[in-house]
PDB file of N, CA and C in Angstrom:
ATOM      1  N   UNK A   1      14.077   6.264  10.788  1.00  0.00           N
ATOM      2  CA  UNK A   1      13.246   6.952   9.829  1.00  0.00           C
ATOM      3  C   UNK A   1      11.870   7.189  10.447  1.00  0.00           C
ATOM      4  N   UNK A   2      11.286   8.307  10.167  1.00  0.00           N
ATOM      5  CA  UNK A   2       9.975   8.658  10.698  1.00  0.00           C
ATOM      6  C   UNK A   2       8.863   8.111   9.818  1.00  0.00           C
ATOM      7  N   UNK A   3       7.742   7.787  10.459  1.00  0.00           N
ATOM      8  CA  UNK A   3       6.560   7.373   9.710  1.00  0.00           C
ATOM      9  C   UNK A   3       5.870   8.615   9.156  1.00  0.00           C
ATOM     10  N   UNK A   4       5.270   8.491   7.975  1.00  0.00           N
ATOM     11  CA  UNK A   4       4.549   9.612   7.389  1.00  0.00           C
ATOM     12  C   UNK A   4       3.348   9.106   6.613  1.00  0.00           C
ATOM     13  N   UNK A   5       2.425  10.016   6.340  1.00  0.00           N
ATOM     14  CA  UNK A   5       1.243   9.680   5.558  1.00  0.00           C
ATOM     15  C   UNK A   5       1.619   9.792   4.084  1.00  0.00           C
ATOM     16  N   UNK A   6       1.451   8.689   3.373  1.00  0.00           N
ATOM     17  CA  UNK A   6       1.778   8.659   1.949  1.00  0.00           C
ATOM     18  C   UNK A   6       0.736   9.421   1.148  1.00  0.00           C
ATOM     19  N   UNK A   7       1.151   9.951   0.028  1.00  0.00           N
ATOM     20  CA  UNK A   7       0.248  10.715  -0.837  1.00  0.00           C
ATOM     21  C   UNK A   7      -0.754   9.790  -1.539  1.00  0.00           C
ATOM     22  N   UNK A   8      -1.863  10.382  -1.963  1.00  0.00           N
ATOM     23  CA  UNK A   8      -2.826   9.621  -2.758  1.00  0.00           C
ATOM     24  C   UNK A   8      -2.174   9.125  -4.047  1.00  0.00           C
ATOM     25  N   UNK A   9      -1.270   9.915  -4.614  1.00  0.00           N
ATOM     26  CA  UNK A   9      -0.563   9.498  -5.827  1.00  0.00           C
ATOM     27  C   UNK A   9       0.219   8.217  -5.581  1.00  0.00           C
ATOM     28  N   UNK A  10       0.906   8.138  -4.461  1.00  0.00           N
ATOM     29  CA  UNK A  10       1.692   6.967  -4.075  1.00  0.00           C
ATOM     30  C   UNK A  10       0.781   5.744  -3.956  1.00  0.00           C
ATOM     31  N   UNK A  11      -0.274   5.875  -3.142  1.00  0.00           N
ATOM     32  CA  UNK A  11      -1.174   4.747  -2.881  1.00  0.00           C
ATOM     33  C   UNK A  11      -1.917   4.340  -4.149  1.00  0.00           C
ATOM     34  N   UNK A  12      -2.499   5.291  -4.839  1.00  0.00           N
ATOM     35  CA  UNK A  12      -3.281   4.992  -6.041  1.00  0.00           C
ATOM     36  C   UNK A  12      -2.428   4.339  -7.128  1.00  0.00           C
ATOM     37  N   UNK A  13      -1.215   4.807  -7.306  1.00  0.00           N
ATOM     38  CA  UNK A  13      -0.344   4.257  -8.347  1.00  0.00           C
ATOM     39  C   UNK A  13      -0.013   2.800  -8.073  1.00  0.00           C
ATOM     40  N   UNK A  14       0.283   2.480  -6.831  1.00  0.00           N
ATOM     41  CA  UNK A  14       0.608   1.107  -6.455  1.00  0.00           C
ATOM     42  C   UNK A  14      -0.618   0.204  -6.627  1.00  0.00           C
ATOM     43  N   UNK A  15      -1.744   0.650  -6.119  1.00  0.00           N
ATOM     44  CA  UNK A  15      -2.973  -0.156  -6.187  1.00  0.00           C
ATOM     45  C   UNK A  15      -3.413  -0.356  -7.640  1.00  0.00           C
ATOM     46  N   UNK A  16      -3.401   0.711  -8.423  1.00  0.00           N
ATOM     47  CA  UNK A  16      -3.860   0.615  -9.809  1.00  0.00           C
ATOM     48  C   UNK A  16      -2.942  -0.248 -10.674  1.00  0.00           C
ATOM     49  N   UNK A  17      -1.711  -0.420 -10.262  1.00  0.00           N
ATOM     50  CA  UNK A  17      -0.775  -1.256 -11.019  1.00  0.00           C
ATOM     51  C   UNK A  17      -1.109  -2.739 -10.921  1.00  0.00           C
ATOM     52  N   UNK A  18      -1.817  -3.142  -9.868  1.00  0.00           N
ATOM     53  CA  UNK A  18      -2.036  -4.566  -9.606  1.00  0.00           C
ATOM     54  C   UNK A  18      -3.510  -4.962  -9.592  1.00  0.00           C
ATOM     55  N   UNK A  19      -4.327  -4.179  -8.960  1.00  0.00           N
ATOM     56  CA  UNK A  19      -5.719  -4.584  -8.736  1.00  0.00           C
ATOM     57  C   UNK A  19      -6.621  -4.223  -9.914  1.00  0.00           C
ATOM     58  N   UNK A  20      -7.636  -5.063 -10.180  1.00  0.00           N
ATOM     59  CA  UNK A  20      -8.599  -4.738 -11.233  1.00  0.00           C
ATOM     60  C   UNK A  20      -9.412  -3.502 -10.849  1.00  0.00           C
ATOM     61  N   UNK A  21      -9.909  -2.834 -11.843  1.00  0.00           N
ATOM     62  CA  UNK A  21     -10.601  -1.552 -11.636  1.00  0.00           C
ATOM     63  C   UNK A  21     -11.698  -1.622 -10.577  1.00  0.00           C
ATOM     64  N   UNK A  22     -12.471  -2.698 -10.568  1.00  0.00           N
ATOM     65  CA  UNK A  22     -13.602  -2.789  -9.637  1.00  0.00           C
ATOM     66  C   UNK A  22     -13.176  -2.953  -8.173  1.00  0.00           C
ATOM     67  N   UNK A  23     -11.924  -3.266  -7.919  1.00  0.00           N
ATOM     68  CA  UNK A  23     -11.434  -3.436  -6.542  1.00  0.00           C
ATOM     69  C   UNK A  23     -10.577  -2.275  -6.059  1.00  0.00           C
ATOM     70  N   UNK A  24     -10.155  -1.436  -6.942  1.00  0.00           N
ATOM     71  CA  UNK A  24      -9.153  -0.413  -6.620  1.00  0.00           C
ATOM     72  C   UNK A  24      -9.551   0.536  -5.501  1.00  0.00           C
ATOM     73  N   UNK A  25     -10.759   1.073  -5.546  1.00  0.00           N
ATOM     74  CA  UNK A  25     -11.150   2.068  -4.543  1.00  0.00           C
ATOM     75  C   UNK A  25     -11.158   1.471  -3.139  1.00  0.00           C
ATOM     76  N   UNK A  26     -11.716   0.283  -3.006  1.00  0.00           N
ATOM     77  CA  UNK A  26     -11.773  -0.377  -1.688  1.00  0.00           C
ATOM     78  C   UNK A  26     -10.364  -0.645  -1.162  1.00  0.00           C
ATOM     79  N   UNK A  27      -9.500  -1.152  -2.018  1.00  0.00           N
ATOM     80  CA  UNK A  27      -8.132  -1.481  -1.614  1.00  0.00           C
ATOM     81  C   UNK A  27      -7.363  -0.210  -1.251  1.00  0.00           C
ATOM     82  N   UNK A  28      -7.428   0.790  -2.103  1.00  0.00           N
ATOM     83  CA  UNK A  28      -6.700   2.043  -1.851  1.00  0.00           C
ATOM     84  C   UNK A  28      -7.191   2.716  -0.573  1.00  0.00           C
ATOM     85  N   UNK A  29      -8.496   2.737  -0.376  1.00  0.00           N
ATOM     86  CA  UNK A  29      -9.042   3.365   0.830  1.00  0.00           C
ATOM     87  C   UNK A  29      -8.606   2.625   2.091  1.00  0.00           C
ATOM     88  N   UNK A  30      -8.558   1.311   2.029  1.00  0.00           N
ATOM     89  CA  UNK A  30      -8.143   0.521   3.195  1.00  0.00           C
ATOM     90  C   UNK A  30      -6.664   0.757   3.517  1.00  0.00           C
ATOM     91  N   UNK A  31      -5.829   0.796   2.503  1.00  0.00           N
ATOM     92  CA  UNK A  31      -4.401   1.052   2.725  1.00  0.00           C
ATOM     93  C   UNK A  31      -4.204   2.460   3.277  1.00  0.00           C
ATOM     94  N   UNK A  32      -4.892   3.435   2.697  1.00  0.00           N
ATOM     95  CA  UNK A  32      -4.769   4.814   3.177  1.00  0.00           C
ATOM     96  C   UNK A  32      -5.237   4.906   4.635  1.00  0.00           C
ATOM     97  N   UNK A  33      -6.334   4.254   4.949  1.00  0.00           N
ATOM     98  CA  UNK A  33      -6.855   4.271   6.325  1.00  0.00           C
ATOM     99  C   UNK A  33      -5.823   3.704   7.301  1.00  0.00           C
ATOM    100  N   UNK A  34      -5.209   2.585   6.942  1.00  0.00           N
ATOM    101  CA  UNK A  34      -4.223   1.988   7.838  1.00  0.00           C
ATOM    102  C   UNK A  34      -2.966   2.843   7.954  1.00  0.00           C
ATOM    103  N   UNK A  35      -2.586   3.504   6.876  1.00  0.00           N
ATOM    104  CA  UNK A  35      -1.438   4.412   6.907  1.00  0.00           C
ATOM    105  C   UNK A  35      -1.702   5.559   7.880  1.00  0.00           C
ATOM    106  N   UNK A  36      -2.882   6.148   7.785  1.00  0.00           N
ATOM    107  CA  UNK A  36      -3.230   7.265   8.672  1.00  0.00           C
ATOM    108  C   UNK A  36      -3.368   6.784  10.113  1.00  0.00           C
ATOM    109  N   UNK A  37      -3.993   5.634  10.318  1.00  0.00           N
ATOM    110  CA  UNK A  37      -4.117   5.079  11.675  1.00  0.00           C
ATOM    111  C   UNK A  37      -2.736   4.828  12.283  1.00  0.00           C
ATOM    112  N   UNK A  38      -1.802   4.355  11.481  1.00  0.00           N
ATOM    113  CA  UNK A  38      -0.448   4.072  11.951  1.00  0.00           C
ATOM    114  C   UNK A  38       0.257   5.347  12.402  1.00  0.00           C
ATOM    115  N   UNK A  39       0.200   6.381  11.567  1.00  0.00           N
ATOM    116  CA  UNK A  39       0.848   7.646  11.904  1.00  0.00           C
ATOM    117  C   UNK A  39       0.158   8.296  13.100  1.00  0.00           C
ATOM    118  N   UNK A  40      -1.170   8.252  13.139  1.00  0.00           N
ATOM    119  CA  UNK A  40      -1.893   8.788  14.299  1.00  0.00           C
ATOM    120  C   UNK A  40      -1.471   8.069  15.579  1.00  0.00           C
ATOM    121  N   UNK A  41      -1.339   6.758  15.499  1.00  0.00           N
ATOM    122  CA  UNK A  41      -0.936   5.955  16.655  1.00  0.00           C
ATOM    123  C   UNK A  41       0.490   6.317  17.096  1.00  0.00           C
ATOM    124  N   UNK A  42       1.386   6.387  16.146  1.00  0.00           N
ATOM    125  CA  UNK A  42       2.806   6.656  16.445  1.00  0.00           C
ATOM    126  C   UNK A  42       3.015   8.035  17.062  1.00  0.00           C
ATOM    127  N   UNK A  43       2.319   9.045  16.532  1.00  0.00           N
ATOM    128  CA  UNK A  43       2.564  10.425  16.954  1.00  0.00           C
ATOM    129  C   UNK A  43       1.415  11.032  17.749  1.00  0.00           C
ATOM    130  N   UNK A  44       0.469  10.198  18.147  1.00  0.00           N
ATOM    131  CA  UNK A  44      -0.678  10.654  18.940  1.00  0.00           C
ATOM    132  C   UNK A  44      -1.383  11.830  18.246  1.00  0.00           C
ATOM    133  N   UNK A  45      -1.666  11.638  16.955  1.00  0.00           N
ATOM    134  CA  UNK A  45      -2.343  12.656  16.163  1.00  0.00           C
ATOM    135  C   UNK A  45      -3.783  12.235  15.896  1.00  0.00           C
ATOM    136  N   UNK A  46      -4.525  13.091  15.235  1.00  0.00           N
ATOM    137  CA  UNK A  46      -5.928  12.814  14.935  1.00  0.00           C
ATOM    138  C   UNK A  46      -6.278  13.156  13.485  1.00  0.00           C
ATOM    139  N   UNK A  47      -5.398  12.834  12.567  1.00  0.00           N
ATOM    140  CA  UNK A  47      -5.659  13.088  11.159  1.00  0.00           C
ATOM    141  C   UNK A  47      -6.852  12.246  10.717  1.00  0.00           C
ATOM    142  N   UNK A  48      -7.790  12.882  10.014  1.00  0.00           N
ATOM    143  CA  UNK A  48      -8.985  12.179   9.553  1.00  0.00           C
ATOM    144  C   UNK A  48      -8.708  11.449   8.243  1.00  0.00           C
ATOM    145  N   UNK A  49      -9.425  10.361   8.066  1.00  0.00           N
ATOM    146  CA  UNK A  49      -9.294   9.551   6.853  1.00  0.00           C
ATOM    147  C   UNK A  49     -10.269  10.068   5.801  1.00  0.00           C
ATOM    148  N   UNK A  50      -9.751  10.239   4.602  1.00  0.00           N
ATOM    149  CA  UNK A  50     -10.575  10.610   3.453  1.00  0.00           C
ATOM    150  C   UNK A  50     -10.346   9.565   2.356  1.00  0.00           C
ATOM    151  N   UNK A  51     -11.267   9.444   1.413  1.00  0.00           N
ATOM    152  CA  UNK A  51     -11.065   8.478   0.332  1.00  0.00           C
ATOM    153  C   UNK A  51      -9.811   8.801  -0.482  1.00  0.00           C
ATOM    154  N   UNK A  52      -9.191   7.765  -0.988  1.00  0.00           N
ATOM    155  CA  UNK A  52      -8.013   7.933  -1.838  1.00  0.00           C
ATOM    156  C   UNK A  52      -8.469   8.375  -3.235  1.00  0.00           C
ATOM    157  N   UNK A  53      -7.802   9.372  -3.781  1.00  0.00           N
ATOM    158  CA  UNK A  53      -8.118   9.889  -5.110  1.00  0.00           C
ATOM    159  C   UNK A  53      -7.369   9.068  -6.159  1.00  0.00           C
ATOM    160  N   UNK A  54      -8.072   8.121  -6.763  1.00  0.00           N
ATOM    161  CA  UNK A  54      -7.441   7.232  -7.740  1.00  0.00           C
ATOM    162  C   UNK A  54      -7.042   7.934  -9.025  1.00  0.00           C
ATOM    163  N   UNK A  55      -7.581   9.113  -9.282  1.00  0.00           N
ATOM    164  CA  UNK A  55      -7.224   9.830 -10.508  1.00  0.00           C
ATOM    165  C   UNK A  55      -5.770  10.307 -10.470  1.00  0.00           C
ATOM    166  N   UNK A  56      -5.126  10.246  -9.325  1.00  0.00           N
ATOM    167  CA  UNK A  56      -3.731  10.672  -9.211  1.00  0.00           C
ATOM    168  C   UNK A  56      -2.732   9.584  -9.599  1.00  0.00           C
ATOM    169  N   UNK A  57      -3.219   8.378  -9.890  1.00  0.00           N
ATOM    170  CA  UNK A  57      -2.333   7.260 -10.228  1.00  0.00           C
ATOM    171  C   UNK A  57      -1.517   7.547 -11.481  1.00  0.00           C
ATOM    172  N   UNK A  58      -0.273   7.117 -11.442  1.00  0.00           N
ATOM    173  CA  UNK A  58       0.622   7.216 -12.598  1.00  0.00           C
ATOM    174  C   UNK A  58       1.176   5.827 -12.890  1.00  0.00           C
ATOM    175  N   UNK A  59       1.553   5.568 -14.144  1.00  0.00           N
ATOM    176  CA  UNK A  59       2.136   4.262 -14.476  1.00  0.00           C
ATOM    177  C   UNK A  59       3.478   4.066 -13.764  1.00  0.00           C
ATOM    178  N   UNK A  60       3.723   2.828 -13.351  1.00  0.00           N
ATOM    179  CA  UNK A  60       4.957   2.499 -12.642  1.00  0.00           C
ATOM    180  C   UNK A  60       5.637   1.277 -13.259  1.00  0.00           C
ATOM    181  N   UNK A  61       6.946   1.226 -13.148  1.00  0.00           N
ATOM    182  CA  UNK A  61       7.687   0.017 -13.496  1.00  0.00           C
ATOM    183  C   UNK A  61       7.460  -0.999 -12.376  1.00  0.00           C
ATOM    184  N   UNK A  62       7.525  -2.296 -12.664  1.00  0.00           N
ATOM    185  CA  UNK A  62       7.327  -3.305 -11.620  1.00  0.00           C
ATOM    186  C   UNK A  62       8.231  -3.111 -10.399  1.00  0.00           C
ATOM    187  N   UNK A  63       9.478  -2.728 -10.620  1.00  0.00           N
ATOM    188  CA  UNK A  63      10.391  -2.524  -9.496  1.00  0.00           C
ATOM    189  C   UNK A  63       9.914  -1.374  -8.607  1.00  0.00           C
ATOM    190  N   UNK A  64       9.322  -0.348  -9.218  1.00  0.00           N
ATOM    191  CA  UNK A  64       8.810   0.777  -8.441  1.00  0.00           C
ATOM    192  C   UNK A  64       7.551   0.391  -7.671  1.00  0.00           C
ATOM    193  N   UNK A  65       6.703  -0.433  -8.276  1.00  0.00           N
ATOM    194  CA  UNK A  65       5.518  -0.933  -7.565  1.00  0.00           C
ATOM    195  C   UNK A  65       5.967  -1.651  -6.295  1.00  0.00           C
ATOM    196  N   UNK A  66       6.945  -2.519  -6.440  1.00  0.00           N
ATOM    197  CA  UNK A  66       7.464  -3.287  -5.296  1.00  0.00           C
ATOM    198  C   UNK A  66       8.060  -2.369  -4.234  1.00  0.00           C
ATOM    199  N   UNK A  67       8.886  -1.466  -4.647  1.00  0.00           N
ATOM    200  CA  UNK A  67       9.548  -0.561  -3.717  1.00  0.00           C
ATOM    201  C   UNK A  67       8.544   0.340  -3.007  1.00  0.00           C
ATOM    202  N   UNK A  68       7.600   0.889  -3.751  1.00  0.00           N
ATOM    203  CA  UNK A  68       6.587   1.757  -3.158  1.00  0.00           C
ATOM    204  C   UNK A  68       5.655   0.985  -2.227  1.00  0.00           C
ATOM    205  N   UNK A  69       5.377  -0.273  -2.561  1.00  0.00           N
ATOM    206  CA  UNK A  69       4.556  -1.104  -1.673  1.00  0.00           C
ATOM    207  C   UNK A  69       5.296  -1.381  -0.365  1.00  0.00           C
ATOM    208  N   UNK A  70       6.594  -1.629  -0.440  1.00  0.00           N
ATOM    209  CA  UNK A  70       7.383  -1.808   0.782  1.00  0.00           C
ATOM    210  C   UNK A  70       7.390  -0.533   1.618  1.00  0.00           C
ATOM    211  N   UNK A  71       7.478   0.604   0.960  1.00  0.00           N
ATOM    212  CA  UNK A  71       7.412   1.873   1.662  1.00  0.00           C
ATOM    213  C   UNK A  71       6.068   2.018   2.378  1.00  0.00           C
ATOM    214  N   UNK A  72       4.989   1.685   1.690  1.00  0.00           N
ATOM    215  CA  UNK A  72       3.659   1.740   2.317  1.00  0.00           C
ATOM    216  C   UNK A  72       3.586   0.825   3.535  1.00  0.00           C
ATOM    217  N   UNK A  73       4.125  -0.370   3.386  1.00  0.00           N
ATOM    218  CA  UNK A  73       4.100  -1.314   4.516  1.00  0.00           C
ATOM    219  C   UNK A  73       4.823  -0.712   5.718  1.00  0.00           C
ATOM    220  N   UNK A  74       5.934  -0.066   5.483  1.00  0.00           N
ATOM    221  CA  UNK A  74       6.703   0.558   6.556  1.00  0.00           C
ATOM    222  C   UNK A  74       5.916   1.695   7.206  1.00  0.00           C
ATOM    223  N   UNK A  75       5.177   2.446   6.395  1.00  0.00           N
ATOM    224  CA  UNK A  75       4.419   3.577   6.929  1.00  0.00           C
ATOM    225  C   UNK A  75       3.131   3.139   7.642  1.00  0.00           C
ATOM    226  N   UNK A  76       2.723   1.913   7.432  1.00  0.00           N
ATOM    227  CA  UNK A  76       1.466   1.411   8.009  1.00  0.00           C
ATOM    228  C   UNK A  76       1.661   0.516   9.227  1.00  0.00           C
ATOM    229  N   UNK A  77       2.872   0.209   9.606  1.00  0.00           N
ATOM    230  CA  UNK A  77       3.128  -0.893  10.542  1.00  0.00           C
ATOM    231  C   UNK A  77       3.196  -0.523  12.023  1.00  0.00           C
ATOM    232  N   UNK A  78       2.891   0.681  12.405  1.00  0.00           N
ATOM    233  CA  UNK A  78       3.070   1.108  13.796  1.00  0.00           C
ATOM    234  C   UNK A  78       2.087   0.476  14.780  1.00  0.00           C
ATOM    235  N   UNK A  79       0.884   0.199  14.346  1.00  0.00           N
ATOM    236  CA  UNK A  79      -0.115  -0.355  15.257  1.00  0.00           C
ATOM    237  C   UNK A  79       0.137  -1.844  15.489  1.00  0.00           C
ATOM    238  N   UNK A  80      -0.109  -2.327  16.705  1.00  0.00           N
ATOM    239  CA  UNK A  80       0.140  -3.744  17.002  1.00  0.00           C
ATOM    240  C   UNK A  80      -0.748  -4.700  16.203  1.00  0.00           C
ATOM    241  N   UNK A  81      -1.876  -4.226  15.688  1.00  0.00           N
ATOM    242  CA  UNK A  81      -2.785  -5.081  14.928  1.00  0.00           C
ATOM    243  C   UNK A  81      -2.526  -5.032  13.414  1.00  0.00           C
ATOM    244  N   UNK A  82      -1.436  -4.420  12.992  1.00  0.00           N
ATOM    245  CA  UNK A  82      -1.142  -4.217  11.579  1.00  0.00           C
ATOM    246  C   UNK A  82      -1.192  -5.509  10.772  1.00  0.00           C
ATOM    247  N   UNK A  83      -0.528  -6.557  11.211  1.00  0.00           N
ATOM    248  CA  UNK A  83      -0.449  -7.774  10.402  1.00  0.00           C
ATOM    249  C   UNK A  83      -1.778  -8.533  10.322  1.00  0.00           C
ATOM    250  N   UNK A  84      -2.751  -8.099  11.086  1.00  0.00           N
ATOM    251  CA  UNK A  84      -4.083  -8.706  11.024  1.00  0.00           C
ATOM    252  C   UNK A  84      -5.048  -7.881  10.161  1.00  0.00           C
ATOM    253  N   UNK A  85      -4.573  -6.801   9.594  1.00  0.00           N
ATOM    254  CA  UNK A  85      -5.441  -5.892   8.832  1.00  0.00           C
ATOM    255  C   UNK A  85      -5.600  -6.342   7.378  1.00  0.00           C
ATOM    256  N   UNK A  86      -6.677  -5.894   6.761  1.00  0.00           N
ATOM    257  CA  UNK A  86      -6.902  -6.137   5.329  1.00  0.00           C
ATOM    258  C   UNK A  86      -5.814  -5.456   4.503  1.00  0.00           C
ATOM    259  N   UNK A  87      -5.410  -4.270   4.924  1.00  0.00           N
ATOM    260  CA  UNK A  87      -4.386  -3.521   4.183  1.00  0.00           C
ATOM    261  C   UNK A  87      -3.082  -4.313   4.088  1.00  0.00           C
ATOM    262  N   UNK A  88      -2.731  -5.004   5.154  1.00  0.00           N
ATOM    263  CA  UNK A  88      -1.512  -5.825   5.150  1.00  0.00           C
ATOM    264  C   UNK A  88      -1.625  -6.907   4.072  1.00  0.00           C
ATOM    265  N   UNK A  89      -2.764  -7.569   4.020  1.00  0.00           N
ATOM    266  CA  UNK A  89      -2.977  -8.615   3.014  1.00  0.00           C
ATOM    267  C   UNK A  89      -2.972  -8.022   1.600  1.00  0.00           C
ATOM    268  N   UNK A  90      -3.577  -6.858   1.430  1.00  0.00           N
ATOM    269  CA  UNK A  90      -3.577  -6.200   0.121  1.00  0.00           C
ATOM    270  C   UNK A  90      -2.151  -5.892  -0.330  1.00  0.00           C
ATOM    271  N   UNK A  91      -1.329  -5.390   0.584  1.00  0.00           N
ATOM    272  CA  UNK A  91       0.053  -5.049   0.223  1.00  0.00           C
ATOM    273  C   UNK A  91       0.878  -6.295  -0.074  1.00  0.00           C
ATOM    274  N   UNK A  92       0.635  -7.378   0.634  1.00  0.00           N
ATOM    275  CA  UNK A  92       1.331  -8.634   0.316  1.00  0.00           C
ATOM    276  C   UNK A  92       1.026  -9.052  -1.118  1.00  0.00           C
ATOM    277  N   UNK A  93      -0.235  -8.962  -1.501  1.00  0.00           N
ATOM    278  CA  UNK A  93      -0.605  -9.317  -2.875  1.00  0.00           C
ATOM    279  C   UNK A  93       0.111  -8.421  -3.870  1.00  0.00           C
ATOM    280  N   UNK A  94       0.205  -7.146  -3.568  1.00  0.00           N
ATOM    281  CA  UNK A  94       0.882  -6.220  -4.470  1.00  0.00           C
ATOM    282  C   UNK A  94       2.338  -6.610  -4.645  1.00  0.00           C
ATOM    283  N   UNK A  95       3.021  -6.863  -3.542  1.00  0.00           N
ATOM    284  CA  UNK A  95       4.447  -7.215  -3.611  1.00  0.00           C
ATOM    285  C   UNK A  95       4.654  -8.501  -4.396  1.00  0.00           C
ATOM    286  N   UNK A  96       3.819  -9.501  -4.129  1.00  0.00           N
ATOM    287  CA  UNK A  96       3.991 -10.778  -4.818  1.00  0.00           C
ATOM    288  C   UNK A  96       3.510 -10.749  -6.265  1.00  0.00           C
ATOM    289  N   UNK A  97       2.710  -9.770  -6.637  1.00  0.00           N
ATOM    290  CA  UNK A  97       2.204  -9.668  -8.007  1.00  0.00           C
ATOM    291  C   UNK A  97       3.011  -8.709  -8.872  1.00  0.00           C
ATOM    292  N   UNK A  98       3.772  -7.848  -8.263  1.00  0.00           N
ATOM    293  CA  UNK A  98       4.440  -6.771  -8.999  1.00  0.00           C
ATOM    294  C   UNK A  98       5.485  -7.276  -9.982  1.00  0.00           C
ATOM    295  N   UNK A  99       6.244  -8.258  -9.577  1.00  0.00           N
ATOM    296  CA  UNK A  99       7.308  -8.767 -10.432  1.00  0.00           C
ATOM    297  C   UNK A  99       6.964 -10.200 -10.825  1.00  0.00           C
ATOM    298  N   UNK A 100       6.666 -10.431 -12.091  1.00  0.00           N
ATOM    299  CA  UNK A 100       6.302 -11.786 -12.510  1.00  0.00           C
ATOM    300  C   UNK A 100       7.452 -12.762 -12.308  1.00  0.00           C
ATOM    301  N   UNK A 101       7.117 -13.929 -11.801  1.00  0.00           N
ATOM    302  CA  UNK A 101       8.161 -14.953 -11.586  1.00  0.00           C
ATOM    303  C   UNK A 101       7.992 -16.145 -12.516  1.00  0.00           C
ATOM    304  N   UNK A 102       7.045 -16.041 -13.451  1.00  0.00           N
ATOM    305  CA  UNK A 102       6.817 -17.111 -14.412  1.00  0.00           C
ATOM    306  C   UNK A 102       8.115 -17.478 -15.093  1.00  0.00           C
ATOM    307  N   UNK A 103       8.468 -18.735 -15.024  1.00  0.00           N
ATOM    308  CA  UNK A 103       9.690 -19.204 -15.654  1.00  0.00           C
ATOM    309  C   UNK A 103      10.931 -19.054 -14.788  1.00  0.00           C
ATOM    310  N   UNK A 104      10.780 -18.475 -13.609  1.00  0.00           N
ATOM    311  CA  UNK A 104      11.914 -18.325 -12.705  1.00  0.00           C
ATOM    312  C   UNK A 104      12.235 -19.637 -11.984  1.00  0.00           C
ATOM    313  N   UNK A 105      13.428 -19.707 -11.415  1.00  0.00           N
ATOM    314  CA  UNK A 105      13.856 -20.910 -10.687  1.00  0.00           C
ATOM    315  C   UNK A 105      12.952 -21.153  -9.482  1.00  0.00           C
ATOM    316  N   UNK A 106      12.593 -22.377  -9.243  1.00  0.00           N
ATOM    317  CA  UNK A 106      11.768 -22.765  -8.102  1.00  0.00           C
ATOM    318  C   UNK A 106      12.634 -23.293  -6.978  1.00  0.00           C
ATOM    319  N   UNK A 107      13.779 -23.841  -7.323  1.00  0.00           N
ATOM    320  CA  UNK A 107      14.701 -24.394  -6.330  1.00  0.00           C
ATOM    321  C   UNK A 107      16.089 -24.451  -6.944  1.00  0.00           C
ATOM    322  N   UNK A 108      17.108 -24.339  -6.089  1.00  0.00           N
ATOM    323  CA  UNK A 108      18.487 -24.501  -6.588  1.00  0.00           C
ATOM    324  C   UNK A 108      19.282 -25.363  -5.629  1.00  0.00           C
TER     325      UNK A 108
END
């Protein structure tokens, strides 16, 4: 599968589903920046980074938040420094926050 730059709708919807309003712009911009850096690195391109338009966010089901966050992680992972980035940590929080586990089994 090829890496691609995710839409602002994709990024904003995932971020807005989990993060409080005061953190959303910083988180969305960081994820978008890493997505563009990843694609630029993979395909030797020079796409410029612009702020993520949070007004494009749409409501998502928890399963879609998780799935879309995994998609973002895949689109951002081309650079060797990916797992050390803030965006990586932001996406981990999204994945672990998207589906509540309260009351779920801890061990079997």
